């Protein structure tokens, strides 16, 4: 389900060998006064570490790296796997994720 680039693998191995994929809510409309009128998308995000509560996550090991991800994470149509890569800018590094499908919340 996951593929990890060589650079990302080295970075993750150096920083604890655990990666956490989460779904973060990004509102796109509605009213902040009534929760039932708020809609948006749960977008995939990635960071180093383990979940605090394992009950909502599943883990898989890819090349000695443990990837923790939500049970409802799916691969985007047209992708063969979720790709984890490393981006760099000057002295900063961060992980990126591509191929994971967001979960839309639509107003009915």
C-alpha atoms as a PDB file:
ATOM      1  CA  UNK A   1       0.000   0.000   0.000  1.00  0.00           C
ATOM      2  CA  UNK A   2       2.928   2.376   0.663  1.00  0.00           C
ATOM      3  CA  UNK A   3       6.142   3.128  -1.191  1.00  0.00           C
ATOM      4  CA  UNK A   4       8.894   5.184   0.446  1.00  0.00           C
ATOM      5  CA  UNK A   5      11.616   7.005  -1.488  1.00  0.00           C
ATOM      6  CA  UNK A   6      15.262   6.354  -0.647  1.00  0.00           C
ATOM      7  CA  UNK A   7      15.765   9.854   0.848  1.00  0.00           C
ATOM      8  CA  UNK A   8      12.594   9.604   2.936  1.00  0.00           C
ATOM      9  CA  UNK A   9      13.575   6.144   4.169  1.00  0.00           C
ATOM     10  CA  UNK A  10      16.956   7.424   5.397  1.00  0.00           C
ATOM     11  CA  UNK A  11      15.348  10.462   7.087  1.00  0.00           C
ATOM     12  CA  UNK A  12      12.685   8.362   8.842  1.00  0.00           C
ATOM     13  CA  UNK A  13      15.234   5.724   9.933  1.00  0.00           C
ATOM     14  CA  UNK A  14      17.372   8.468  11.455  1.00  0.00           C
ATOM     15  CA  UNK A  15      14.348   9.862  13.346  1.00  0.00           C
ATOM     16  CA  UNK A  16      12.793   6.839  15.041  1.00  0.00           C
ATOM     17  CA  UNK A  17      11.583   4.541  12.204  1.00  0.00           C
ATOM     18  CA  UNK A  18       7.890   5.492  12.673  1.00  0.00           C
ATOM     19  CA  UNK A  19       5.645   7.574  10.402  1.00  0.00           C
ATOM     20  CA  UNK A  20       2.092   8.682  11.199  1.00  0.00           C
ATOM     21  CA  UNK A  21      -0.468   9.430   8.473  1.00  0.00           C
ATOM     22  CA  UNK A  22      -3.493  11.354   9.736  1.00  0.00           C
ATOM     23  CA  UNK A  23      -6.625  12.821   8.188  1.00  0.00           C
ATOM     24  CA  UNK A  24      -6.928  16.522   9.053  1.00  0.00           C
ATOM     25  CA  UNK A  25     -10.223  18.394   8.524  1.00  0.00           C
ATOM     26  CA  UNK A  26     -10.011  21.376   6.167  1.00  0.00           C
ATOM     27  CA  UNK A  27     -13.301  23.325   6.201  1.00  0.00           C
ATOM     28  CA  UNK A  28     -14.438  24.778   2.894  1.00  0.00           C
ATOM     29  CA  UNK A  29     -17.791  26.314   3.743  1.00  0.00           C
ATOM     30  CA  UNK A  30     -20.722  26.462   6.048  1.00  0.00           C
ATOM     31  CA  UNK A  31     -21.395  28.101   9.347  1.00  0.00           C
ATOM     32  CA  UNK A  32     -19.211  27.993  12.418  1.00  0.00           C
ATOM     33  CA  UNK A  33     -22.323  28.533  14.571  1.00  0.00           C
ATOM     34  CA  UNK A  34     -23.957  25.254  13.606  1.00  0.00           C
ATOM     35  CA  UNK A  35     -21.782  22.198  13.208  1.00  0.00           C
ATOM     36  CA  UNK A  36     -24.281  20.449  10.939  1.00  0.00           C
ATOM     37  CA  UNK A  37     -23.833  23.180   8.315  1.00  0.00           C
ATOM     38  CA  UNK A  38     -20.049  22.890   8.142  1.00  0.00           C
ATOM     39  CA  UNK A  39     -18.505  20.948   5.271  1.00  0.00           C
ATOM     40  CA  UNK A  40     -15.052  20.324   3.845  1.00  0.00           C
ATOM     41  CA  UNK A  41     -12.527  17.537   3.356  1.00  0.00           C
ATOM     42  CA  UNK A  42     -10.374  15.352   5.558  1.00  0.00           C
ATOM     43  CA  UNK A  43      -6.968  15.615   3.860  1.00  0.00           C
ATOM     44  CA  UNK A  44      -4.062  13.211   4.432  1.00  0.00           C
ATOM     45  CA  UNK A  45      -1.050  14.570   6.320  1.00  0.00           C
ATOM     46  CA  UNK A  46       2.183  12.854   7.317  1.00  0.00           C
ATOM     47  CA  UNK A  47       4.607  13.322  10.188  1.00  0.00           C
ATOM     48  CA  UNK A  48       7.190  11.407  12.189  1.00  0.00           C
ATOM     49  CA  UNK A  49       6.085   9.406  15.226  1.00  0.00           C
ATOM     50  CA  UNK A  50       3.468   6.972  16.518  1.00  0.00           C
ATOM     51  CA  UNK A  51      -0.196   7.553  17.386  1.00  0.00           C
ATOM     52  CA  UNK A  52      -1.074   8.158  21.027  1.00  0.00           C
ATOM     53  CA  UNK A  53      -4.180   5.962  20.718  1.00  0.00           C
ATOM     54  CA  UNK A  54      -3.571   2.928  18.477  1.00  0.00           C
ATOM     55  CA  UNK A  55      -7.247   1.930  18.283  1.00  0.00           C
ATOM     56  CA  UNK A  56      -8.024   4.093  15.220  1.00  0.00           C
ATOM     57  CA  UNK A  57      -4.828   3.194  13.335  1.00  0.00           C
ATOM     58  CA  UNK A  58      -3.389   0.222  11.502  1.00  0.00           C
ATOM     59  CA  UNK A  59       0.346  -0.301  11.071  1.00  0.00           C
ATOM     60  CA  UNK A  60       2.381  -1.845   8.308  1.00  0.00           C
ATOM     61  CA  UNK A  61       6.146  -2.253   7.966  1.00  0.00           C
ATOM     62  CA  UNK A  62       7.810  -1.119   4.733  1.00  0.00           C
ATOM     63  CA  UNK A  63      11.593  -1.669   4.541  1.00  0.00           C
ATOM     64  CA  UNK A  64      12.052  -1.503   8.356  1.00  0.00           C
ATOM     65  CA  UNK A  65       9.874   1.657   8.564  1.00  0.00           C
ATOM     66  CA  UNK A  66       6.574   1.366  10.469  1.00  0.00           C
ATOM     67  CA  UNK A  67       3.771   3.345   8.817  1.00  0.00           C
ATOM     68  CA  UNK A  68       0.727   4.077  11.004  1.00  0.00           C
ATOM     69  CA  UNK A  69      -2.418   5.086   9.094  1.00  0.00           C
ATOM     70  CA  UNK A  70      -6.168   5.469   9.715  1.00  0.00           C
ATOM     71  CA  UNK A  71      -8.350   2.462   8.989  1.00  0.00           C
ATOM     72  CA  UNK A  72     -10.345   4.449   6.399  1.00  0.00           C
ATOM     73  CA  UNK A  73      -7.344   5.615   4.334  1.00  0.00           C
ATOM     74  CA  UNK A  74      -7.670   4.689   0.660  1.00  0.00           C
ATOM     75  CA  UNK A  75      -5.435   4.923  -2.394  1.00  0.00           C
ATOM     76  CA  UNK A  76      -6.466   7.539  -4.977  1.00  0.00           C
ATOM     77  CA  UNK A  77      -7.801   6.240  -8.245  1.00  0.00           C
ATOM     78  CA  UNK A  78      -4.988   5.938 -10.792  1.00  0.00           C
ATOM     79  CA  UNK A  79      -2.244   5.361  -8.189  1.00  0.00           C
ATOM     80  CA  UNK A  80      -0.738   1.961  -7.444  1.00  0.00           C
ATOM     81  CA  UNK A  81       0.375   2.969  -3.924  1.00  0.00           C
ATOM     82  CA  UNK A  82       0.633   5.878  -1.512  1.00  0.00           C
ATOM     83  CA  UNK A  83       4.033   7.511  -2.071  1.00  0.00           C
ATOM     84  CA  UNK A  84       6.038   8.994   0.804  1.00  0.00           C
ATOM     85  CA  UNK A  85       8.809  11.383  -0.215  1.00  0.00           C
ATOM     86  CA  UNK A  86      11.176  13.903   1.375  1.00  0.00           C
ATOM     87  CA  UNK A  87      11.342  17.573   0.367  1.00  0.00           C
ATOM     88  CA  UNK A  88      14.195  19.900   1.285  1.00  0.00           C
ATOM     89  CA  UNK A  89      14.609  23.667   1.296  1.00  0.00           C
ATOM     90  CA  UNK A  90      17.834  25.132   2.631  1.00  0.00           C
ATOM     91  CA  UNK A  91      18.145  23.653   6.147  1.00  0.00           C
ATOM     92  CA  UNK A  92      14.596  22.302   6.444  1.00  0.00           C
ATOM     93  CA  UNK A  93      13.288  18.825   5.550  1.00  0.00           C
ATOM     94  CA  UNK A  94       9.710  17.562   5.572  1.00  0.00           C
ATOM     95  CA  UNK A  95       7.823  14.482   4.470  1.00  0.00           C
ATOM     96  CA  UNK A  96       5.193  14.582   1.723  1.00  0.00           C
ATOM     97  CA  UNK A  97       2.465  12.126   0.857  1.00  0.00           C
ATOM     98  CA  UNK A  98       0.953  11.565  -2.580  1.00  0.00           C
ATOM     99  CA  UNK A  99      -1.704   9.137  -3.708  1.00  0.00           C
ATOM    100  CA  UNK A 100      -3.791   9.079  -0.521  1.00  0.00           C
ATOM    101  CA  UNK A 101      -7.441   9.930  -1.038  1.00  0.00           C
ATOM    102  CA  UNK A 102      -9.127  12.643   1.010  1.00  0.00           C
ATOM    103  CA  UNK A 103     -12.554  12.084   2.555  1.00  0.00           C
ATOM    104  CA  UNK A 104     -15.097  14.748   1.533  1.00  0.00           C
ATOM    105  CA  UNK A 105     -17.868  15.856   3.887  1.00  0.00           C
ATOM    106  CA  UNK A 106     -20.711  17.300   1.822  1.00  0.00           C
ATOM    107  CA  UNK A 107     -23.631  19.421   2.897  1.00  0.00           C
ATOM    108  CA  UNK A 108     -26.909  17.599   2.387  1.00  0.00           C
END
